[in-house]
Amino acid sequence: MPPTKPPQEEIKKSLRYSLWDGASWSLTVGFAELYFSPFAIFLGAADVILGLLSTLPQLAGAISQLVTPVLVKKIGSRKRVVLSGVAAQGGMLLFFMLSPFFHPYHLFFLLAVACLYWISWMITVPAWESWMGDIVPEKRRGAYFGRRNQIIQLVMFGALVGGGWILNLFQTYRGFLILIVLGLIGRLLSLIFIGKQTEPRGTDGTGPVPSFVGFLKTIHRNNFGRFVLFVALFAVAMNVASPYFVQYMLDELRFSYLQFMAVFAAMIGVKFVTIPFWGRFSDRYGTRKLLVPSCLLLSLTPLLWLWSSNFYYILFIQIVAGVGIGGFELLSFNFLLDSTRPEDRTRNAAYYQVLMGVGIVAGSVVGGLIMKFSLFDDKTYFAIFLLSALLRLAISAGFLPRLKEIREVESISYRKLLSQVIRFQKSVVE
């Protein structure tokens, strides 16, 4: 059944409120979520706990998304599912504050709260993606989500910088406490703005929910299934190294909190600048073709870490990474919306998120095992960076040519497209 569209004015208001919701969510990420690992290190977490912190919560969150289609069908509203999850996530931030008071089990308490935090959030993602897919016009998705992501990156940049300044000022539990409170405020604001948005009726959650096993059996036979498989395997390749960049900077390179903040701020800042490019060009040329340069940039990024540990050089690496990850996040989300029917979107988004989450965890485990057993002696970090880069290149080369664009888009050669991306990259660096 096609979605019953609300009045145009309600849709316009909802899209504006969604921009404010994105800004509020980015306060939570910038002030609190990006500092979870430094908080764990501050509390004395070593390699094993840090590895679990980067894998177990995401695995729990990924698996929980299999419940989302059932919840939407039972409750009858994607909006209520999202509101409940956001409220629960805010509640978990309150428990984060209490972690130090559960000594000597404080790290296990922190891990348990992190699992519930991720479950609360990730269980809402398929419902939210389906909901937004119904109210954002198809031909404007790139531009709209590009603008929304740009706002998110701008606010997240400010929150991250402010968080680094606060930690540098206090360098005690009080600093982290302030960050968590600010993150909680962001979630409360999200509740307000999500509550003001309208929800189309007569679409998702009205039909039967096919089994996840059935989806896996046919995953290689259709375009959407191949896309999900590509994203899941690329997540494995990315997360062989990604969770350990923080540990590498704080433990190995001995970066200060301000340097740590600056490195992530560089990536967020360049995402803010480049996301409109990806959005505008994806509306014009499609998402699949643009995935090629974004994946190429992401494949080159870990290789750059092999050459130098200089702080300013690493800032440059983050600029390259920011261009690539900004494109990949926007393009993969738009491809998901383009390749799913409205009535199937919650279910398909859930399967997409589950497999991507499993990929994130699998990659983190591989990197963690290499770290734990020091398989390459004092070159362990370089080994996981190199392995991650090679896997990213291989998976991109194997899958991207097999994906098909869904929408009618303008044709452009890879040569011209890559030249435009390279010119844009140079303008950002300069």
Protein backbone atom coordinates (compact mmCIF):
# COMPACT_ATOMS: atom_id res chain seq x y z
CA MET A 1 0.00 0.00 0.00
CA PRO A 2 1.54 3.38 -0.96
CA PRO A 3 1.98 5.88 1.85
CA THR A 4 -0.81 8.36 2.51
CA LYS A 5 0.93 11.70 2.19
CA PRO A 6 0.15 14.37 4.81
CA PRO A 7 -0.55 17.92 3.59
CA GLN A 8 2.46 19.56 1.93
CA GLU A 9 2.73 22.17 4.67
CA GLU A 10 2.99 19.46 7.33
CA ILE A 11 5.74 17.75 5.36
CA LYS A 12 7.69 21.02 5.06
CA LYS A 13 7.41 21.58 8.81
CA SER A 14 8.48 18.00 9.51
CA LEU A 15 11.54 18.36 7.31
CA ARG A 16 12.52 21.53 9.18
CA TYR A 17 12.01 19.81 12.54
CA SER A 18 14.13 16.90 11.28
CA LEU A 19 16.99 19.34 10.68
CA TRP A 20 16.69 20.47 14.29
CA ASP A 21 16.55 16.86 15.43
CA GLY A 22 19.77 16.15 13.52
CA ALA A 23 21.45 19.10 15.20
CA SER A 24 20.27 17.91 18.63
CA TRP A 25 21.47 14.35 17.98
CA SER A 26 24.89 15.66 16.97
CA LEU A 27 25.17 17.39 20.36
CA THR A 28 24.89 13.97 21.97
CA VAL A 29 27.47 12.45 19.65
CA GLY A 30 29.92 15.37 19.81
CA PHE A 31 29.79 15.94 23.57
CA ALA A 32 29.25 12.40 24.83
CA GLU A 33 29.47 9.52 22.36
CA LEU A 34 32.80 10.45 20.77
CA TYR A 35 34.31 10.57 24.27
CA PHE A 36 33.09 7.13 25.43
CA SER A 37 36.45 5.50 24.61
CA PRO A 38 38.51 8.26 26.29
CA PHE A 39 36.17 7.91 29.30
CA ALA A 40 36.85 4.17 29.42
CA ILE A 41 40.59 4.79 29.17
CA PHE A 42 40.27 7.38 31.97
CA LEU A 43 38.60 4.70 34.13
CA GLY A 44 41.48 2.31 33.48
CA ALA A 45 40.21 0.20 30.56
CA ALA A 46 42.91 -1.87 28.85
CA ASP A 47 42.99 -3.60 25.45
CA VAL A 48 40.40 -6.29 26.23
CA ILE A 49 37.76 -3.94 27.67
CA LEU A 50 38.36 -1.39 24.92
CA GLY A 51 37.92 -4.12 22.33
CA LEU A 52 34.68 -5.27 23.95
CA LEU A 53 33.48 -1.67 24.22
CA SER A 54 33.93 -1.21 20.48
CA THR A 55 32.31 -4.53 19.52
CA LEU A 56 29.80 -5.93 22.01
CA PRO A 57 27.46 -2.88 22.20
CA GLN A 58 27.34 -2.60 18.43
CA LEU A 59 26.69 -6.32 18.05
CA ALA A 60 23.84 -6.13 20.57
CA GLY A 61 22.46 -3.06 18.82
CA ALA A 62 22.72 -4.66 15.39
CA ILE A 63 20.89 -7.83 16.41
CA SER A 64 18.19 -5.82 18.18
CA GLN A 65 17.15 -4.29 14.85
CA LEU A 66 15.59 -7.59 13.82
CA VAL A 67 12.86 -6.70 16.32
CA THR A 68 12.14 -3.30 14.74
CA PRO A 69 9.76 -4.51 11.97
CA VAL A 70 7.81 -6.51 14.56
CA LEU A 71 7.60 -3.46 16.86
CA VAL A 72 6.42 -1.22 14.03
CA LYS A 73 3.76 -3.77 13.05
CA LYS A 74 2.59 -4.25 16.65
CA ILE A 75 2.65 -0.59 17.72
CA GLY A 76 1.44 0.67 14.34
CA SER A 77 3.67 3.73 14.33
CA ARG A 78 7.30 4.23 13.36
CA LYS A 79 7.25 7.58 15.14
CA ARG A 80 6.40 6.02 18.51
CA VAL A 81 9.13 3.42 18.09
CA VAL A 82 11.65 6.19 17.44
CA LEU A 83 10.47 8.32 20.36
CA SER A 84 10.65 5.37 22.77
CA GLY A 85 14.18 4.49 21.68
CA VAL A 86 15.45 8.07 21.95
CA ALA A 87 13.99 8.38 25.46
CA ALA A 88 15.62 5.09 26.51
CA GLN A 89 18.96 6.21 25.07
CA GLY A 90 18.80 9.38 27.14
CA GLY A 91 18.16 7.25 30.21
CA MET A 92 21.31 5.24 29.51
CA LEU A 93 23.36 8.44 29.55
CA LEU A 94 22.22 8.95 33.14
CA PHE A 95 23.67 5.53 34.03
CA PHE A 96 26.95 6.40 32.31
CA MET A 97 27.44 9.05 34.98
CA LEU A 98 27.27 6.39 37.71
CA SER A 99 29.95 4.10 36.25
CA PRO A 100 32.84 5.17 38.54
CA PHE A 101 30.77 4.41 41.65
CA PHE A 102 30.57 0.68 40.88
CA HIS A 103 34.25 0.00 41.51
CA PRO A 104 35.74 -2.63 41.15
CA TYR A 105 33.11 -3.63 38.60
CA HIS A 106 32.81 -0.17 37.06
CA LEU A 107 34.19 -1.19 33.65
CA PHE A 108 31.73 -4.07 33.32
CA PHE A 109 28.92 -1.74 34.38
CA LEU A 110 30.09 0.73 31.72
CA LEU A 111 30.08 -2.05 29.12
CA ALA A 112 26.55 -3.14 30.07
CA VAL A 113 25.25 0.44 29.88
CA ALA A 114 26.97 0.90 26.52
CA CYS A 115 25.14 -2.19 25.21
CA LEU A 116 21.76 -0.82 26.33
CA TYR A 117 22.67 2.61 24.92
CA TRP A 118 23.35 1.15 21.48
CA ILE A 119 20.28 -1.11 21.56
CA SER A 120 18.06 1.86 22.46
CA TRP A 121 19.41 3.85 19.52
CA MET A 122 19.85 1.19 16.83
CA ILE A 123 16.41 -0.31 17.30
CA THR A 124 15.02 3.02 16.07
CA VAL A 125 17.19 3.33 12.95
CA PRO A 126 15.21 1.15 10.50
CA ALA A 127 11.94 2.80 11.55
CA TRP A 128 13.44 6.29 11.19
CA GLU A 129 14.97 5.51 7.78
CA SER A 130 11.63 4.18 6.52
CA TRP A 131 9.78 7.17 7.93
CA MET A 132 12.14 9.69 6.31
CA GLY A 133 12.06 7.78 3.04
CA ASP A 134 8.32 8.45 2.87
CA ILE A 135 8.40 12.19 3.52
CA VAL A 136 11.55 13.31 1.64
CA PRO A 137 10.86 13.69 -2.12
CA GLU A 138 12.85 11.12 -4.11
CA LYS A 139 14.53 13.64 -6.42
CA ARG A 140 15.59 15.84 -3.51
CA ARG A 141 17.02 13.17 -1.21
CA GLY A 142 20.63 13.94 -2.00
CA ALA A 143 20.19 17.68 -1.50
CA TYR A 144 18.05 17.34 1.64
CA PHE A 145 20.12 14.74 3.44
CA GLY A 146 23.25 16.54 2.30
CA ARG A 147 21.99 19.69 4.01
CA ARG A 148 20.89 17.74 7.09
CA ASN A 149 24.26 16.01 7.36
CA GLN A 150 26.02 19.32 6.89
CA ILE A 151 24.14 20.78 9.86
CA ILE A 152 24.96 17.66 11.86
CA GLN A 153 28.68 17.98 11.08
CA LEU A 154 28.72 21.68 11.95
CA VAL A 155 27.05 21.19 15.33
CA MET A 156 29.08 18.05 16.02
CA PHE A 157 32.26 19.99 15.25
CA GLY A 158 31.33 22.65 17.79
CA ALA A 159 30.37 20.04 20.40
CA LEU A 160 33.56 18.07 19.84
CA VAL A 161 35.72 21.19 20.16
CA GLY A 162 33.82 22.24 23.27
CA GLY A 163 34.17 18.76 24.73
CA GLY A 164 37.92 18.75 24.16
CA TRP A 165 38.21 22.15 25.80
CA ILE A 166 36.19 20.99 28.81
CA LEU A 167 38.31 17.84 29.27
CA ASN A 168 41.51 19.82 28.89
CA LEU A 169 40.27 22.29 31.51
CA PHE A 170 39.22 19.74 34.14
CA GLN A 171 41.04 16.47 33.23
CA THR A 172 38.99 14.74 35.95
CA TYR A 173 35.71 12.85 36.26
CA ARG A 174 33.99 16.24 36.50
CA GLY A 175 34.93 16.97 32.89
CA PHE A 176 33.36 13.75 31.62
CA LEU A 177 30.31 14.35 33.82
CA ILE A 178 29.74 17.73 32.15
CA LEU A 179 30.01 16.12 28.71
CA ILE A 180 27.47 13.42 29.53
CA VAL A 181 25.00 16.01 30.86
CA LEU A 182 25.37 18.04 27.66
CA GLY A 183 24.83 14.86 25.62
CA LEU A 184 21.66 14.16 27.61
CA ILE A 185 20.35 17.63 26.81
CA GLY A 186 20.83 16.82 23.13
CA ARG A 187 18.66 13.70 23.43
CA LEU A 188 15.93 15.64 25.26
CA LEU A 189 15.85 18.23 22.48
CA SER A 190 15.59 15.42 19.92
CA LEU A 191 12.49 14.12 21.69
CA ILE A 192 10.86 17.52 21.32
CA PHE A 193 11.62 17.92 17.62
CA ILE A 194 10.77 14.33 16.66
CA GLY A 195 7.47 14.71 18.48
CA LYS A 196 6.56 17.66 16.23
CA GLN A 197 7.04 15.70 12.98
CA THR A 198 4.22 14.13 11.01
CA GLU A 199 4.11 10.47 9.96
CA PRO A 200 2.49 9.17 6.75
CA ARG A 201 0.08 6.30 7.30
CA GLY A 202 -0.82 3.21 5.31
CA THR A 203 2.72 2.11 4.42
CA ASP A 204 5.23 0.12 6.46
CA GLY A 205 4.29 -2.46 9.05
CA THR A 206 1.00 -3.49 7.47
CA GLY A 207 2.06 -6.74 5.83
CA PRO A 208 3.83 -9.95 6.90
CA VAL A 209 7.45 -9.76 8.02
CA PRO A 210 9.58 -12.20 5.95
CA SER A 211 12.27 -14.09 7.81
CA PHE A 212 15.84 -12.89 8.07
CA VAL A 213 17.05 -16.36 7.10
CA GLY A 214 15.00 -16.18 3.91
CA PHE A 215 16.61 -12.84 3.08
CA LEU A 216 20.10 -14.29 3.61
CA LYS A 217 19.37 -17.22 1.28
CA THR A 218 18.66 -14.88 -1.64
CA ILE A 219 21.01 -12.03 -0.74
CA HIS A 220 23.27 -12.57 -3.76
CA ARG A 221 20.43 -12.77 -6.30
CA ASN A 222 19.17 -9.19 -6.34
CA ASN A 223 20.59 -5.69 -6.46
CA PHE A 224 19.55 -4.72 -2.93
CA GLY A 225 20.96 -7.93 -1.47
CA ARG A 226 24.31 -7.42 -3.21
CA PHE A 227 24.38 -3.84 -1.92
CA VAL A 228 23.76 -5.00 1.66
CA LEU A 229 26.46 -7.65 1.32
CA PHE A 230 28.89 -5.03 0.00
CA VAL A 231 28.18 -2.63 2.88
CA ALA A 232 28.54 -5.43 5.45
CA LEU A 233 31.89 -6.62 4.07
CA PHE A 234 33.15 -3.06 3.68
CA ALA A 235 32.23 -2.51 7.34
CA VAL A 236 34.44 -5.50 8.20
CA ALA A 237 37.32 -3.96 6.27
CA MET A 238 36.81 -0.52 7.81
CA ASN A 239 36.65 -1.74 11.38
CA VAL A 240 39.75 -3.90 11.31
CA ALA A 241 41.46 -0.56 11.96
CA SER A 242 38.90 2.16 12.77
CA PRO A 243 38.23 1.31 16.47
CA TYR A 244 41.94 1.39 17.23
CA PHE A 245 42.79 4.82 15.87
CA VAL A 246 41.69 6.33 19.22
CA GLN A 247 43.88 3.95 21.20
CA TYR A 248 46.78 4.54 18.80
CA MET A 249 46.56 8.30 19.24
CA LEU A 250 46.05 8.37 23.02
CA ASP A 251 48.29 5.48 24.10
CA GLU A 252 50.92 5.12 21.38
CA LEU A 253 51.32 8.70 20.16
CA ARG A 254 50.46 10.25 23.55
CA PHE A 255 48.18 12.89 22.07
CA SER A 256 46.57 15.28 24.51
CA TYR A 257 42.78 15.60 24.71
CA LEU A 258 43.08 18.81 22.71
CA GLN A 259 45.05 17.06 19.96
CA PHE A 260 42.56 14.18 20.00
CA MET A 261 39.74 16.70 19.66
CA ALA A 262 41.52 18.50 16.81
CA VAL A 263 42.03 15.30 14.83
CA PHE A 264 38.34 14.39 14.95
CA ALA A 265 37.31 18.00 14.45
CA ALA A 266 39.34 18.09 11.20
CA MET A 267 37.37 15.13 9.85
CA ILE A 268 34.03 16.55 10.95
CA GLY A 269 34.91 19.97 9.55
CA VAL A 270 35.76 18.64 6.11
CA LYS A 271 32.61 16.50 6.09
CA PHE A 272 30.66 19.71 6.67
CA VAL A 273 32.33 21.32 3.65
CA THR A 274 32.06 18.36 1.26
CA ILE A 275 28.66 16.80 2.00
CA PRO A 276 26.76 19.29 -0.25
CA PHE A 277 28.99 18.14 -3.12
CA TRP A 278 28.05 14.50 -2.59
CA GLY A 279 24.36 15.32 -2.19
CA ARG A 280 24.13 17.54 -5.27
CA PHE A 281 26.07 15.16 -7.49
CA SER A 282 24.19 12.06 -6.28
CA ASP A 283 20.88 13.65 -7.26
CA ARG A 284 22.36 14.34 -10.69
CA TYR A 285 24.56 11.30 -11.42
CA GLY A 286 23.20 8.68 -9.03
CA THR A 287 24.60 7.08 -5.90
CA ARG A 288 26.30 3.95 -7.24
CA LYS A 289 28.81 5.72 -9.46
CA LEU A 290 29.75 8.17 -6.70
CA LEU A 291 30.42 5.27 -4.32
CA VAL A 292 33.52 4.51 -6.40
CA PRO A 293 35.52 7.66 -5.53
CA SER A 294 34.29 7.70 -1.94
CA CYS A 295 35.37 4.07 -1.40
CA LEU A 296 38.68 4.77 -3.13
CA LEU A 297 39.42 7.62 -0.71
CA LEU A 298 38.47 5.43 2.26
CA SER A 299 40.72 2.65 0.97
CA LEU A 300 43.71 4.98 0.72
CA THR A 301 43.25 6.50 4.18
CA PRO A 302 44.72 3.64 6.31
CA LEU A 303 47.76 3.51 4.03
CA LEU A 304 48.50 7.16 4.85
CA TRP A 305 48.81 6.26 8.55
CA LEU A 306 51.84 4.10 7.69
CA TRP A 307 54.09 7.00 6.75
CA SER A 308 54.25 9.36 9.71
CA SER A 309 52.98 9.95 13.25
CA ASN A 310 53.36 13.72 13.01
CA PHE A 311 50.33 15.50 14.44
CA TYR A 312 49.88 17.85 11.48
CA TYR A 313 50.27 15.01 9.00
CA ILE A 314 47.51 13.11 10.82
CA LEU A 315 45.31 16.19 10.54
CA PHE A 316 45.84 15.95 6.77
CA ILE A 317 44.86 12.26 6.84
CA GLN A 318 41.62 13.18 8.59
CA ILE A 319 40.83 15.66 5.83
CA VAL A 320 41.11 12.88 3.25
CA ALA A 321 39.07 10.54 5.47
CA GLY A 322 36.40 13.19 6.01
CA VAL A 323 35.80 13.58 2.27
CA GLY A 324 35.48 9.81 1.83
CA ILE A 325 33.37 8.97 4.87
CA GLY A 326 31.02 11.90 4.31
CA GLY A 327 30.30 10.62 0.82
CA PHE A 328 30.00 6.98 1.82
CA GLU A 329 27.54 7.66 4.65
CA LEU A 330 25.27 9.84 2.52
CA LEU A 331 25.45 7.72 -0.62
CA SER A 332 24.86 4.37 1.06
CA PHE A 333 21.84 5.77 2.90
CA ASN A 334 20.37 7.20 -0.30
CA PHE A 335 21.02 3.95 -2.18
CA LEU A 336 19.11 2.11 0.55
CA LEU A 337 16.09 4.40 0.11
CA ASP A 338 16.25 4.23 -3.69
CA SER A 339 16.39 0.43 -3.81
CA THR A 340 13.53 -0.39 -1.38
CA ARG A 341 9.75 -0.10 -1.73
CA PRO A 342 7.96 1.99 0.92
CA GLU A 343 6.00 -1.01 2.21
CA ASP A 344 9.21 -3.04 2.70
CA ARG A 345 11.50 -0.29 3.89
CA THR A 346 11.52 -0.88 7.65
CA ARG A 347 12.24 -4.57 7.17
CA ASN A 348 14.93 -4.01 4.52
CA ALA A 349 16.50 -1.21 6.53
CA ALA A 350 16.61 -3.53 9.55
CA TYR A 351 18.35 -6.28 7.58
CA TYR A 352 20.77 -3.72 6.16
CA GLN A 353 21.58 -2.36 9.61
CA VAL A 354 21.93 -5.82 11.17
CA LEU A 355 24.44 -7.05 8.62
CA MET A 356 26.36 -3.78 8.70
CA GLY A 357 26.49 -4.01 12.50
CA VAL A 358 27.73 -7.59 12.35
CA GLY A 359 30.37 -6.44 9.86
CA ILE A 360 31.49 -3.68 12.20
CA VAL A 361 31.84 -6.15 15.06
CA ALA A 362 33.59 -8.79 12.93
CA GLY A 363 36.15 -6.27 11.72
CA SER A 364 36.75 -4.99 15.25
CA VAL A 365 37.28 -8.56 16.50
CA VAL A 366 39.84 -9.28 13.77
CA GLY A 367 41.74 -6.10 14.60
CA GLY A 368 41.42 -6.80 18.33
CA LEU A 369 42.85 -10.31 18.00
CA ILE A 370 45.84 -8.97 16.07
CA MET A 371 46.31 -6.36 18.80
CA LYS A 372 45.87 -8.77 21.71
CA PHE A 373 48.33 -11.38 20.52
CA SER A 374 50.83 -8.86 19.11
CA LEU A 375 51.08 -10.94 15.94
CA PHE A 376 53.41 -8.42 14.34
CA ASP A 377 55.42 -7.38 17.43
CA ASP A 378 55.91 -3.61 17.53
CA LYS A 379 54.35 -3.20 14.07
CA THR A 380 50.87 -4.30 15.17
CA TYR A 381 49.15 -0.98 14.46
CA PHE A 382 50.73 -0.75 11.03
CA ALA A 383 49.64 -4.34 10.28
CA ILE A 384 45.97 -3.66 10.97
CA PHE A 385 46.10 -0.38 9.02
CA LEU A 386 47.60 -2.16 5.99
CA LEU A 387 45.18 -5.09 6.22
CA SER A 388 42.21 -2.73 6.45
CA ALA A 389 43.32 -0.82 3.34
CA LEU A 390 43.82 -3.97 1.25
CA LEU A 391 40.44 -5.38 2.27
CA ARG A 392 38.68 -2.10 1.44
CA LEU A 393 40.22 -2.06 -2.04
CA ALA A 394 39.42 -5.72 -2.74
CA ILE A 395 35.78 -5.50 -1.59
CA SER A 396 35.17 -2.29 -3.55
CA ALA A 397 36.65 -3.80 -6.72
CA GLY A 398 34.61 -6.98 -6.30
CA PHE A 399 31.18 -5.48 -5.57
CA LEU A 400 30.79 -1.96 -6.93
CA PRO A 401 30.80 -2.99 -10.63
CA ARG A 402 27.94 -5.44 -9.86
CA LEU A 403 25.59 -2.84 -8.35
CA LYS A 404 22.98 -1.11 -10.52
CA GLU A 405 21.60 2.39 -10.23
CA ILE A 406 17.85 2.41 -9.57
CA ARG A 407 16.85 5.92 -10.60
CA GLU A 408 17.09 7.60 -14.00
CA VAL A 409 20.21 9.78 -13.78
CA GLU A 410 22.58 11.66 -16.06
CA SER A 411 25.46 9.70 -17.53
CA ILE A 412 29.06 10.64 -16.70
CA SER A 413 32.31 8.79 -17.26
CA TYR A 414 34.39 7.66 -14.31
CA ARG A 415 37.28 9.69 -15.65
CA LYS A 416 35.29 12.94 -15.56
CA LEU A 417 33.74 12.05 -12.21
CA LEU A 418 37.07 11.24 -10.60
CA SER A 419 38.62 14.40 -12.00
CA GLN A 420 35.83 16.46 -10.42
CA VAL A 421 36.30 14.69 -7.08
CA ILE A 422 40.09 15.21 -7.19
CA ARG A 423 39.69 18.89 -8.02
CA PHE A 424 37.21 19.26 -5.21
CA GLN A 425 39.57 17.41 -2.84
CA LYS A 426 42.42 19.77 -3.72
CA SER A 427 40.25 22.83 -3.16
CA VAL A 428 39.31 21.52 0.32
CA VAL A 429 42.94 20.80 1.27
CA GLU A 430 44.05 24.25 0.05
